[in-house]
Amino acid sequence: IVVVGAECNPAVKIPVIEQTLAAGAAAHAMMLAAVALGFNAMWRTGGLAYDELVKRALGFGPTDAIVGFLYLGTETGPPAPVESREWRDRVRDWGTAG
């Protein structure tokens, strides 16, 4: 398990949201790299990602953020089926948006 966090510093020029998003992009890159190397990857958050005790135990400061827990490894069986929605249910045309 890889814990990905953002060391957010509100005193610097880069907005905190961008610092957090950069950590998210790094997490995504780690997942892509793991898959490219033949591993499987799953990104989870959940309540522990927002728990102050967990953050402190992992060495994060009060303004830092855990952006996710990456589970990396080798699949031992077939992946569980995933229910897929029609893409049209998730896309909106700005020209016709109400």
Foldseek 3Di string as FASTA:
>chain_A
DDWFKFQADPPDPDHRVVSGVVSVVVVVVVQVVLVVVPKHKDWDAPPLQVDPVNCVVVPHDPSMGGPTDMDIGHDPDDDDDDDDDDVVVVDDDPVPDD
